[in-house]
Amino acid sequence: GGSPEIYPWTANGEPAVVAVLDGRVVGVMCLEVTAEGIAAFRNQV
């Protein structure tokens, strides 16, 4: 329905990307961080 705004944030205590469209959260991507790098991206839409 448009182009969402992207914000760096935290969700469940982890680094996360929040996508917002017209004030409505349309996606939350949680990043799983390990000593070796980012191991997983879990995207709730």
PDB file of all heavy atoms in Angstrom:
ATOM      1  N   GLY A   1       0.783  -1.233   0.000  1.00  0.00           N
ATOM      2  CA  GLY A   1       0.000   0.000   0.000  1.00  0.00           C
ATOM      3  C   GLY A   1       0.808   1.272   0.000  1.00  0.00           C
ATOM      4  O   GLY A   1       0.277   2.355   0.264  1.00  0.00           O
ATOM      5  N   GLY A   2       2.107   1.170  -0.290  1.00  0.00           N
ATOM      6  CA  GLY A   2       2.943   2.374  -0.327  1.00  0.00           C
ATOM      7  C   GLY A   2       4.384   2.049  -0.011  1.00  0.00           C
ATOM      8  O   GLY A   2       4.802   0.883  -0.065  1.00  0.00           O
ATOM      9  N   SER A   3       5.158   3.080   0.335  1.00  0.00           N
ATOM     10  CA  SER A   3       6.579   2.922   0.659  1.00  0.00           C
ATOM     11  C   SER A   3       6.772   3.134   2.163  1.00  0.00           C
ATOM     12  O   SER A   3       6.693   4.275   2.647  1.00  0.00           O
ATOM     13  CB  SER A   3       7.422   3.937  -0.107  1.00  0.00           C
ATOM     14  OG  SER A   3       7.300   3.739  -1.497  1.00  0.00           O
ATOM     15  N   PRO A   4       7.003   2.083   2.927  1.00  0.00           N
ATOM     16  CA  PRO A   4       7.133   2.230   4.375  1.00  0.00           C
ATOM     17  C   PRO A   4       8.420   2.935   4.792  1.00  0.00           C
ATOM     18  O   PRO A   4       9.438   2.863   4.105  1.00  0.00           O
ATOM     19  CB  PRO A   4       7.124   0.777   4.876  1.00  0.00           C
ATOM     20  CG  PRO A   4       7.617  -0.019   3.724  1.00  0.00           C
ATOM     21  CD  PRO A   4       7.124   0.677   2.496  1.00  0.00           C
ATOM     22  N   GLU A   5       8.346   3.628   5.915  1.00  0.00           N
ATOM     23  CA  GLU A   5       9.527   4.245   6.516  1.00  0.00           C
ATOM     24  C   GLU A   5      10.266   3.177   7.327  1.00  0.00           C
ATOM     25  O   GLU A   5       9.645   2.345   7.991  1.00  0.00           O
ATOM     26  CB  GLU A   5       9.120   5.398   7.422  1.00  0.00           C
ATOM     27  CG  GLU A   5       8.422   6.534   6.680  1.00  0.00           C
ATOM     28  CD  GLU A   5       7.884   7.598   7.608  1.00  0.00           C
ATOM     29  OE1 GLU A   5       7.585   7.264   8.786  1.00  0.00           O
ATOM     30  OE2 GLU A   5       7.743   8.746   7.156  1.00  0.00           O
ATOM     31  N   ILE A   6      11.593   3.232   7.280  1.00  0.00           N
ATOM     32  CA  ILE A   6      12.413   2.208   7.931  1.00  0.00           C
ATOM     33  C   ILE A   6      13.186   2.821   9.105  1.00  0.00           C
ATOM     34  O   ILE A   6      13.855   3.847   8.952  1.00  0.00           O
ATOM     35  CB  ILE A   6      13.400   1.584   6.922  1.00  0.00           C
ATOM     36  CG1 ILE A   6      12.641   1.004   5.723  1.00  0.00           C
ATOM     37  CG2 ILE A   6      14.243   0.520   7.602  1.00  0.00           C
ATOM     38  CD1 ILE A   6      11.645  -0.088   6.073  1.00  0.00           C
ATOM     39  N   TYR A   7      13.085   2.157  10.255  1.00  0.00           N
ATOM     40  CA  TYR A   7      13.736   2.643  11.474  1.00  0.00           C
ATOM     41  C   TYR A   7      14.614   1.547  12.091  1.00  0.00           C
ATOM     42  O   TYR A   7      14.188   0.383  12.155  1.00  0.00           O
ATOM     43  CB  TYR A   7      12.691   3.027  12.522  1.00  0.00           C
ATOM     44  CG  TYR A   7      11.795   4.182  12.165  1.00  0.00           C
ATOM     45  CD1 TYR A   7      10.663   3.974  11.369  1.00  0.00           C
ATOM     46  CD2 TYR A   7      12.044   5.458  12.646  1.00  0.00           C
ATOM     47  CE1 TYR A   7       9.818   5.031  11.053  1.00  0.00           C
ATOM     48  CE2 TYR A   7      11.200   6.517  12.337  1.00  0.00           C
ATOM     49  CZ  TYR A   7      10.091   6.299  11.541  1.00  0.00           C
ATOM     50  OH  TYR A   7       9.256   7.342  11.231  1.00  0.00           O
ATOM     51  N   PRO A   8      15.795   1.906  12.576  1.00  0.00           N
ATOM     52  CA  PRO A   8      16.547   0.963  13.415  1.00  0.00           C
ATOM     53  C   PRO A   8      15.947   0.963  14.816  1.00  0.00           C
ATOM     54  O   PRO A   8      15.652   2.026  15.370  1.00  0.00           O
ATOM     55  CB  PRO A   8      17.972   1.559  13.405  1.00  0.00           C
ATOM     56  CG  PRO A   8      17.788   3.016  13.138  1.00  0.00           C
ATOM     57  CD  PRO A   8      16.528   3.158  12.330  1.00  0.00           C
ATOM     58  N   TRP A   9      15.759  -0.210  15.391  1.00  0.00           N
ATOM     59  CA  TRP A   9      15.073  -0.286  16.683  1.00  0.00           C
ATOM     60  C   TRP A   9      15.519  -1.533  17.416  1.00  0.00           C
ATOM     61  O   TRP A   9      16.448  -2.223  16.982  1.00  0.00           O
ATOM     62  CB  TRP A   9      13.558  -0.295  16.451  1.00  0.00           C
ATOM     63  CG  TRP A   9      12.772   0.343  17.559  1.00  0.00           C
ATOM     64  CD1 TRP A   9      11.977  -0.276  18.476  1.00  0.00           C
ATOM     65  CD2 TRP A   9      12.713   1.742  17.846  1.00  0.00           C
ATOM     66  NE1 TRP A   9      11.427   0.660  19.317  1.00  0.00           N
ATOM     67  CE2 TRP A   9      11.855   1.898  18.957  1.00  0.00           C
ATOM     68  CE3 TRP A   9      13.305   2.876  17.267  1.00  0.00           C
ATOM     69  CZ2 TRP A   9      11.587   3.149  19.523  1.00  0.00           C
ATOM     70  CZ3 TRP A   9      13.023   4.117  17.819  1.00  0.00           C
ATOM     71  CH2 TRP A   9      12.182   4.237  18.939  1.00  0.00           C
ATOM     72  N   THR A  10      14.851  -1.833  18.512  1.00  0.00           N
ATOM     73  CA  THR A  10      15.039  -3.129  19.170  1.00  0.00           C
ATOM     74  C   THR A  10      13.670  -3.758  19.413  1.00  0.00           C
ATOM     75  O   THR A  10      12.688  -3.062  19.680  1.00  0.00           O
ATOM     76  CB  THR A  10      15.781  -3.016  20.526  1.00  0.00           C
ATOM     77  OG1 THR A  10      15.047  -2.176  21.402  1.00  0.00           O
ATOM     78  CG2 THR A  10      17.186  -2.477  20.344  1.00  0.00           C
ATOM     79  N   ALA A  11      13.630  -5.069  19.307  1.00  0.00           N
ATOM     80  CA  ALA A  11      12.414  -5.834  19.590  1.00  0.00           C
ATOM     81  C   ALA A  11      12.825  -7.079  20.352  1.00  0.00           C
ATOM     82  O   ALA A  11      13.789  -7.743  19.979  1.00  0.00           O
ATOM     83  CB  ALA A  11      11.696  -6.216  18.299  1.00  0.00           C
ATOM     84  N   ASN A  12      12.129  -7.370  21.434  1.00  0.00           N
ATOM     85  CA  ASN A  12      12.471  -8.523  22.279  1.00  0.00           C
ATOM     86  C   ASN A  12      13.934  -8.491  22.708  1.00  0.00           C
ATOM     87  O   ASN A  12      14.582  -9.523  22.837  1.00  0.00           O
ATOM     88  CB  ASN A  12      12.144  -9.831  21.563  1.00  0.00           C
ATOM     89  CG  ASN A  12      10.654  -9.995  21.347  1.00  0.00           C
ATOM     90  OD1 ASN A  12      10.061  -9.346  20.483  1.00  0.00           O
ATOM     91  ND2 ASN A  12      10.037 -10.856  22.125  1.00  0.00           N
ATOM     92  N   GLY A  13      14.461  -7.291  22.887  1.00  0.00           N
ATOM     93  CA  GLY A  13      15.825  -7.133  23.356  1.00  0.00           C
ATOM     94  C   GLY A  13      16.883  -7.336  22.296  1.00  0.00           C
ATOM     95  O   GLY A  13      18.084  -7.290  22.605  1.00  0.00           O
ATOM     96  N   GLU A  14      16.486  -7.539  21.051  1.00  0.00           N
ATOM     97  CA  GLU A  14      17.441  -7.767  19.967  1.00  0.00           C
ATOM     98  C   GLU A  14      17.409  -6.611  18.971  1.00  0.00           C
ATOM     99  O   GLU A  14      16.408  -5.902  18.859  1.00  0.00           O
ATOM    100  CB  GLU A  14      17.092  -9.064  19.229  1.00  0.00           C
ATOM    101  CG  GLU A  14      17.222 -10.318  20.068  1.00  0.00           C
ATOM    102  CD  GLU A  14      16.813 -11.562  19.293  1.00  0.00           C
ATOM    103  OE1 GLU A  14      15.770 -11.541  18.615  1.00  0.00           O
ATOM    104  OE2 GLU A  14      17.540 -12.554  19.375  1.00  0.00           O
ATOM    105  N   PRO A  15      18.512  -6.416  18.213  1.00  0.00           N
ATOM    106  CA  PRO A  15      18.480  -5.422  17.140  1.00  0.00           C
ATOM    107  C   PRO A  15      17.346  -5.748  16.176  1.00  0.00           C
ATOM    108  O   PRO A  15      17.090  -6.913  15.867  1.00  0.00           O
ATOM    109  CB  PRO A  15      19.844  -5.592  16.463  1.00  0.00           C
ATOM    110  CG  PRO A  15      20.723  -6.222  17.486  1.00  0.00           C
ATOM    111  CD  PRO A  15      19.818  -7.108  18.299  1.00  0.00           C
ATOM    112  N   ALA A  16      16.660  -4.710  15.702  1.00  0.00           N
ATOM    113  CA  ALA A  16      15.516  -4.945  14.826  1.00  0.00           C
ATOM    114  C   ALA A  16      15.352  -3.795  13.842  1.00  0.00           C
ATOM    115  O   ALA A  16      15.798  -2.674  14.072  1.00  0.00           O
ATOM    116  CB  ALA A  16      14.236  -5.104  15.642  1.00  0.00           C
ATOM    117  N   VAL A  17      14.693  -4.110  12.744  1.00  0.00           N
ATOM    118  CA  VAL A  17      14.294  -3.118  11.752  1.00  0.00           C
ATOM    119  C   VAL A  17      12.776  -3.025  11.802  1.00  0.00           C
ATOM    120  O   VAL A  17      12.091  -4.045  11.726  1.00  0.00           O
ATOM    121  CB  VAL A  17      14.756  -3.535  10.332  1.00  0.00           C
ATOM    122  CG1 VAL A  17      14.262  -2.517   9.304  1.00  0.00           C
ATOM    123  CG2 VAL A  17      16.265  -3.679  10.270  1.00  0.00           C
ATOM    124  N   VAL A  18      12.260  -1.813  11.949  1.00  0.00           N
ATOM    125  CA  VAL A  18      10.817  -1.610  12.002  1.00  0.00           C
ATOM    126  C   VAL A  18      10.381  -0.841  10.761  1.00  0.00           C
ATOM    127  O   VAL A  18      10.934   0.214  10.445  1.00  0.00           O
ATOM    128  CB  VAL A  18      10.398  -0.842  13.272  1.00  0.00           C
ATOM    129  CG1 VAL A  18       8.896  -0.573  13.267  1.00  0.00           C
ATOM    130  CG2 VAL A  18      10.775  -1.635  14.515  1.00  0.00           C
ATOM    131  N   ALA A  19       9.403  -1.387  10.045  1.00  0.00           N
ATOM    132  CA  ALA A  19       8.847  -0.736   8.852  1.00  0.00           C
ATOM    133  C   ALA A  19       7.477  -0.176   9.207  1.00  0.00           C
ATOM    134  O   ALA A  19       6.620  -0.901   9.729  1.00  0.00           O
ATOM    135  CB  ALA A  19       8.739  -1.737   7.709  1.00  0.00           C
ATOM    136  N   VAL A  20       7.270   1.121   8.928  1.00  0.00           N
ATOM    137  CA  VAL A  20       6.041   1.805   9.327  1.00  0.00           C
ATOM    138  C   VAL A  20       5.434   2.507   8.120  1.00  0.00           C
ATOM    139  O   VAL A  20       6.128   3.223   7.387  1.00  0.00           O
ATOM    140  CB  VAL A  20       6.326   2.835  10.440  1.00  0.00           C
ATOM    141  CG1 VAL A  20       5.039   3.521  10.878  1.00  0.00           C
ATOM    142  CG2 VAL A  20       7.006   2.174  11.628  1.00  0.00           C
ATOM    143  N   LEU A  21       4.146   2.305   7.928  1.00  0.00           N
ATOM    144  CA  LEU A  21       3.426   2.941   6.826  1.00  0.00           C
ATOM    145  C   LEU A  21       2.198   3.651   7.391  1.00  0.00           C
ATOM    146  O   LEU A  21       1.320   3.009   7.964  1.00  0.00           O
ATOM    147  CB  LEU A  21       2.998   1.897   5.790  1.00  0.00           C
ATOM    148  CG  LEU A  21       2.266   2.421   4.556  1.00  0.00           C
ATOM    149  CD1 LEU A  21       3.168   3.332   3.731  1.00  0.00           C
ATOM    150  CD2 LEU A  21       1.767   1.262   3.698  1.00  0.00           C
ATOM    151  N   ASP A  22       2.189   4.974   7.246  1.00  0.00           N
ATOM    152  CA  ASP A  22       1.063   5.779   7.745  1.00  0.00           C
ATOM    153  C   ASP A  22       0.771   5.505   9.220  1.00  0.00           C
ATOM    154  O   ASP A  22      -0.382   5.369   9.640  1.00  0.00           O
ATOM    155  CB  ASP A  22      -0.196   5.517   6.907  1.00  0.00           C
ATOM    156  CG  ASP A  22      -0.010   5.898   5.444  1.00  0.00           C
ATOM    157  OD1 ASP A  22       0.761   6.835   5.164  1.00  0.00           O
ATOM    158  OD2 ASP A  22      -0.628   5.244   4.576  1.00  0.00           O
ATOM    159  N   GLY A  23       1.824   5.396  10.009  1.00  0.00           N
ATOM    160  CA  GLY A  23       1.683   5.177  11.444  1.00  0.00           C
ATOM    161  C   GLY A  23       1.425   3.749  11.860  1.00  0.00           C
ATOM    162  O   GLY A  23       1.350   3.456  13.053  1.00  0.00           O
ATOM    163  N   ARG A  24       1.312   2.848  10.899  1.00  0.00           N
ATOM    164  CA  ARG A  24       1.033   1.437  11.192  1.00  0.00           C
ATOM    165  C   ARG A  24       2.296   0.614  10.966  1.00  0.00           C
ATOM    166  O   ARG A  24       2.933   0.707   9.926  1.00  0.00           O
ATOM    167  CB  ARG A  24      -0.090   0.945  10.280  1.00  0.00           C
ATOM    168  CG  ARG A  24      -0.456  -0.523  10.428  1.00  0.00           C
ATOM    169  CD  ARG A  24      -1.715  -0.836   9.628  1.00  0.00           C
ATOM    170  NE  ARG A  24      -1.587  -0.446   8.233  1.00  0.00           N
ATOM    171  CZ  ARG A  24      -1.133  -1.244   7.268  1.00  0.00           C
ATOM    172  NH1 ARG A  24      -0.744  -2.484   7.554  1.00  0.00           N
ATOM    173  NH2 ARG A  24      -1.071  -0.812   6.021  1.00  0.00           N
ATOM    174  N   VAL A  25       2.672  -0.182  11.971  1.00  0.00           N
ATOM    175  CA  VAL A  25       3.828  -1.069  11.815  1.00  0.00           C
ATOM    176  C   VAL A  25       3.439  -2.191  10.860  1.00  0.00           C
ATOM    177  O   VAL A  25       2.495  -2.938  11.116  1.00  0.00           O
ATOM    178  CB  VAL A  25       4.280  -1.648  13.172  1.00  0.00           C
ATOM    179  CG1 VAL A  25       5.389  -2.687  12.972  1.00  0.00           C
ATOM    180  CG2 VAL A  25       4.767  -0.534  14.095  1.00  0.00           C
ATOM    181  N   VAL A  26       4.165  -2.296   9.752  1.00  0.00           N
ATOM    182  CA  VAL A  26       3.843  -3.311   8.747  1.00  0.00           C
ATOM    183  C   VAL A  26       4.899  -4.416   8.693  1.00  0.00           C
ATOM    184  O   VAL A  26       4.730  -5.394   7.956  1.00  0.00           O
ATOM    185  CB  VAL A  26       3.670  -2.676   7.356  1.00  0.00           C
ATOM    186  CG1 VAL A  26       2.461  -1.760   7.328  1.00  0.00           C
ATOM    187  CG2 VAL A  26       4.932  -1.913   6.924  1.00  0.00           C
ATOM    188  N   GLY A  27       5.961  -4.262   9.467  1.00  0.00           N
ATOM    189  CA  GLY A  27       6.977  -5.301   9.495  1.00  0.00           C
ATOM    190  C   GLY A  27       7.970  -5.065  10.620  1.00  0.00           C
ATOM    191  O   GLY A  27       8.328  -3.915  10.911  1.00  0.00           O
ATOM    192  N   VAL A  28       8.367  -6.132  11.280  1.00  0.00           N
ATOM    193  CA  VAL A  28       9.434  -6.075  12.282  1.00  0.00           C
ATOM    194  C   VAL A  28      10.406  -7.204  11.960  1.00  0.00           C
ATOM    195  O   VAL A  28      10.032  -8.379  11.984  1.00  0.00           O
ATOM    196  CB  VAL A  28       8.902  -6.245  13.717  1.00  0.00           C
ATOM    197  CG1 VAL A  28      10.068  -6.230  14.711  1.00  0.00           C
ATOM    198  CG2 VAL A  28       7.896  -5.144  14.061  1.00  0.00           C
ATOM    199  N   MET A  29      11.638  -6.816  11.620  1.00  0.00           N
ATOM    200  CA  MET A  29      12.661  -7.818  11.324  1.00  0.00           C
ATOM    201  C   MET A  29      13.652  -7.866  12.483  1.00  0.00           C
ATOM    202  O   MET A  29      14.331  -6.880  12.774  1.00  0.00           O
ATOM    203  CB  MET A  29      13.400  -7.483  10.026  1.00  0.00           C
ATOM    204  CG  MET A  29      14.511  -8.471   9.691  1.00  0.00           C
ATOM    205  SD  MET A  29      15.473  -7.986   8.232  1.00  0.00           S
ATOM    206  CE  MET A  29      14.299  -8.375   6.926  1.00  0.00           C
ATOM    207  N   CYS A  30      13.719  -9.009  13.164  1.00  0.00           N
ATOM    208  CA  CYS A  30      14.633  -9.188  14.285  1.00  0.00           C
ATOM    209  C   CYS A  30      15.927  -9.833  13.805  1.00  0.00           C
ATOM    210  O   CYS A  30      15.905 -10.813  13.054  1.00  0.00           O
ATOM    211  CB  CYS A  30      13.986 -10.051  15.360  1.00  0.00           C
ATOM    212  SG  CYS A  30      12.545  -9.292  16.127  1.00  0.00           S
ATOM    213  N   LEU A  31      17.055  -9.278  14.242  1.00  0.00           N
ATOM    214  CA  LEU A  31      18.370  -9.777  13.855  1.00  0.00           C
ATOM    215  C   LEU A  31      18.974 -10.567  15.008  1.00  0.00           C
ATOM    216  O   LEU A  31      19.032 -10.070  16.147  1.00  0.00           O
ATOM    217  CB  LEU A  31      19.307  -8.620  13.497  1.00  0.00           C
ATOM    218  CG  LEU A  31      19.152  -7.927  12.142  1.00  0.00           C
ATOM    219  CD1 LEU A  31      17.775  -7.290  11.983  1.00  0.00           C
ATOM    220  CD2 LEU A  31      20.242  -6.869  11.961  1.00  0.00           C
ATOM    221  N   GLU A  32      19.402 -11.773  14.737  1.00  0.00           N
ATOM    222  CA  GLU A  32      20.097 -12.571  15.747  1.00  0.00           C
ATOM    223  C   GLU A  32      21.596 -12.374  15.566  1.00  0.00           C
ATOM    224  O   GLU A  32      22.162 -12.746  14.545  1.00  0.00           O
ATOM    225  CB  GLU A  32      19.744 -14.050  15.614  1.00  0.00           C
ATOM    226  CG  GLU A  32      20.412 -14.916  16.673  1.00  0.00           C
ATOM    227  CD  GLU A  32      20.106 -16.389  16.520  1.00  0.00           C
ATOM    228  OE1 GLU A  32      19.165 -16.733  15.781  1.00  0.00           O
ATOM    229  OE2 GLU A  32      20.819 -17.213  17.136  1.00  0.00           O
ATOM    230  N   VAL A  33      22.237 -11.787  16.570  1.00  0.00           N
ATOM    231  CA  VAL A  33      23.647 -11.421  16.477  1.00  0.00           C
ATOM    232  C   VAL A  33      24.496 -12.398  17.282  1.00  0.00           C
ATOM    233  O   VAL A  33      24.201 -12.696  18.441  1.00  0.00           O
ATOM    234  CB  VAL A  33      23.869  -9.986  16.983  1.00  0.00           C
ATOM    235  CG1 VAL A  33      25.342  -9.608  16.916  1.00  0.00           C
ATOM    236  CG2 VAL A  33      23.039  -8.998  16.171  1.00  0.00           C
ATOM    237  N   THR A  34      25.561 -12.895  16.660  1.00  0.00           N
ATOM    238  CA  THR A  34      26.532 -13.756  17.337  1.00  0.00           C
ATOM    239  C   THR A  34      27.914 -13.124  17.194  1.00  0.00           C
ATOM    240  O   THR A  34      28.090 -12.122  16.492  1.00  0.00           O
ATOM    241  CB  THR A  34      26.561 -15.166  16.730  1.00  0.00           C
ATOM    242  OG1 THR A  34      27.156 -15.095  15.421  1.00  0.00           O
ATOM    243  CG2 THR A  34      25.160 -15.746  16.611  1.00  0.00           C
ATOM    244  N   ALA A  35      28.901 -13.721  17.852  1.00  0.00           N
ATOM    245  CA  ALA A  35      30.264 -13.205  17.759  1.00  0.00           C
ATOM    246  C   ALA A  35      30.792 -13.284  16.335  1.00  0.00           C
ATOM    247  O   ALA A  35      31.682 -12.521  15.942  1.00  0.00           O
ATOM    248  CB  ALA A  35      31.180 -13.987  18.709  1.00  0.00           C
ATOM    249  N   GLU A  36      30.252 -14.208  15.530  1.00  0.00           N
ATOM    250  CA  GLU A  36      30.725 -14.392  14.147  1.00  0.00           C
ATOM    251  C   GLU A  36      30.016 -13.479  13.156  1.00  0.00           C
ATOM    252  O   GLU A  36      30.433 -13.358  12.009  1.00  0.00           O
ATOM    253  CB  GLU A  36      30.530 -15.846  13.707  1.00  0.00           C
ATOM    254  CG  GLU A  36      31.438 -16.854  14.407  1.00  0.00           C
ATOM    255  CD  GLU A  36      30.992 -17.119  15.834  1.00  0.00           C
ATOM    256  OE1 GLU A  36      29.761 -17.126  16.077  1.00  0.00           O
ATOM    257  OE2 GLU A  36      31.857 -17.282  16.709  1.00  0.00           O
ATOM    258  N   GLY A  37      28.930 -12.848  13.577  1.00  0.00           N
ATOM    259  CA  GLY A  37      28.174 -11.994  12.667  1.00  0.00           C
ATOM    260  C   GLY A  37      26.676 -12.176  12.870  1.00  0.00           C
ATOM    261  O   GLY A  37      26.231 -12.802  13.834  1.00  0.00           O
ATOM    262  N   ILE A  38      25.882 -11.645  11.946  1.00  0.00           N
ATOM    263  CA  ILE A  38      24.429 -11.787  12.029  1.00  0.00           C
ATOM    264  C   ILE A  38      24.054 -13.170  11.513  1.00  0.00           C
ATOM    265  O   ILE A  38      24.343 -13.520  10.373  1.00  0.00           O
ATOM    266  CB  ILE A  38      23.718 -10.699  11.206  1.00  0.00           C
ATOM    267  CG1 ILE A  38      24.140  -9.303  11.681  1.00  0.00           C
ATOM    268  CG2 ILE A  38      22.200 -10.848  11.333  1.00  0.00           C
ATOM    269  CD1 ILE A  38      23.614  -8.176  10.818  1.00  0.00           C
ATOM    270  N   ALA A  39      23.409 -13.950  12.379  1.00  0.00           N
ATOM    271  CA  ALA A  39      23.142 -15.356  12.055  1.00  0.00           C
ATOM    272  C   ALA A  39      21.739 -15.598  11.518  1.00  0.00           C
ATOM    273  O   ALA A  39      21.494 -16.612  10.866  1.00  0.00           O
ATOM    274  CB  ALA A  39      23.371 -16.231  13.280  1.00  0.00           C
ATOM    275  N   ALA A  40      20.810 -14.681  11.810  1.00  0.00           N
ATOM    276  CA  ALA A  40      19.438 -14.917  11.373  1.00  0.00           C
ATOM    277  C   ALA A  40      18.665 -13.611  11.272  1.00  0.00           C
ATOM    278  O   ALA A  40      18.896 -12.672  12.038  1.00  0.00           O
ATOM    279  CB  ALA A  40      18.720 -15.864  12.339  1.00  0.00           C
ATOM    280  N   PHE A  41      17.763 -13.585  10.301  1.00  0.00           N
ATOM    281  CA  PHE A  41      16.808 -12.492  10.138  1.00  0.00           C
ATOM    282  C   PHE A  41      15.419 -13.123  10.187  1.00  0.00           C
ATOM    283  O   PHE A  41      15.091 -13.973   9.363  1.00  0.00           O
ATOM    284  CB  PHE A  41      17.007 -11.784   8.794  1.00  0.00           C
ATOM    285  CG  PHE A  41      18.360 -11.158   8.620  1.00  0.00           C
ATOM    286  CD1 PHE A  41      19.439 -11.917   8.188  1.00  0.00           C
ATOM    287  CD2 PHE A  41      18.559  -9.808   8.888  1.00  0.00           C
ATOM    288  CE1 PHE A  41      20.689 -11.348   8.031  1.00  0.00           C
ATOM    289  CE2 PHE A  41      19.806  -9.226   8.726  1.00  0.00           C
ATOM    290  CZ  PHE A  41      20.871  -9.991   8.302  1.00  0.00           C
ATOM    291  N   ARG A  42      14.618 -12.691  11.156  1.00  0.00           N
ATOM    292  CA  ARG A  42      13.265 -13.223  11.286  1.00  0.00           C
ATOM    293  C   ARG A  42      12.296 -12.064  11.119  1.00  0.00           C
ATOM    294  O   ARG A  42      12.256 -11.149  11.942  1.00  0.00           O
ATOM    295  CB  ARG A  42      13.095 -13.931  12.635  1.00  0.00           C
ATOM    296  CG  ARG A  42      14.020 -15.146  12.783  1.00  0.00           C
ATOM    297  CD  ARG A  42      13.839 -15.851  14.123  1.00  0.00           C
ATOM    298  NE  ARG A  42      14.672 -17.052  14.189  1.00  0.00           N
ATOM    299  CZ  ARG A  42      15.901 -17.086  14.694  1.00  0.00           C
ATOM    300  NH1 ARG A  42      16.448 -15.974  15.179  1.00  0.00           N
ATOM    301  NH2 ARG A  42      16.604 -18.206  14.705  1.00  0.00           N
ATOM    302  N   ASN A  43      11.516 -12.124  10.047  1.00  0.00           N
ATOM    303  CA  ASN A  43      10.711 -10.983   9.635  1.00  0.00           C
ATOM    304  C   ASN A  43       9.229 -11.257   9.861  1.00  0.00           C
ATOM    305  O   ASN A  43       8.656 -12.149   9.235  1.00  0.00           O
ATOM    306  CB  ASN A  43      10.977 -10.692   8.149  1.00  0.00           C
ATOM    307  CG  ASN A  43      10.427  -9.352   7.724  1.00  0.00           C
ATOM    308  OD1 ASN A  43      10.235  -8.457   8.533  1.00  0.00           O
ATOM    309  ND2 ASN A  43      10.180  -9.207   6.439  1.00  0.00           N
ATOM    310  N   GLN A  44       8.620 -10.501  10.781  1.00  0.00           N
ATOM    311  CA  GLN A  44       7.193 -10.661  11.057  1.00  0.00           C
ATOM    312  C   GLN A  44       6.411  -9.611  10.260  1.00  0.00           C
ATOM    313  O   GLN A  44       6.544  -8.408  10.492  1.00  0.00           O
ATOM    314  CB  GLN A  44       6.925 -10.474  12.556  1.00  0.00           C
ATOM    315  CG  GLN A  44       5.474 -10.695  12.966  1.00  0.00           C
ATOM    316  CD  GLN A  44       4.939 -12.047  12.555  1.00  0.00           C
ATOM    317  OE1 GLN A  44       4.246 -12.161  11.531  1.00  0.00           O
ATOM    318  NE2 GLN A  44       5.278 -13.092  13.324  1.00  0.00           N
ATOM    319  N   VAL A  45       5.600 -10.077   9.308  1.00  0.00           N
ATOM    320  CA  VAL A  45       4.794  -9.159   8.491  1.00  0.00           C
ATOM    321  C   VAL A  45       3.307  -9.505   8.522  1.00  0.00           C
ATOM    322  O   VAL A  45       2.512  -8.859   7.851  1.00  0.00           O
ATOM    323  CB  VAL A  45       5.299  -9.120   7.021  1.00  0.00           C
ATOM    324  CG1 VAL A  45       6.662  -8.474   6.945  1.00  0.00           C
ATOM    325  CG2 VAL A  45       5.337 -10.525   6.403  1.00  0.00           C
TER     326      VAL A  45
END
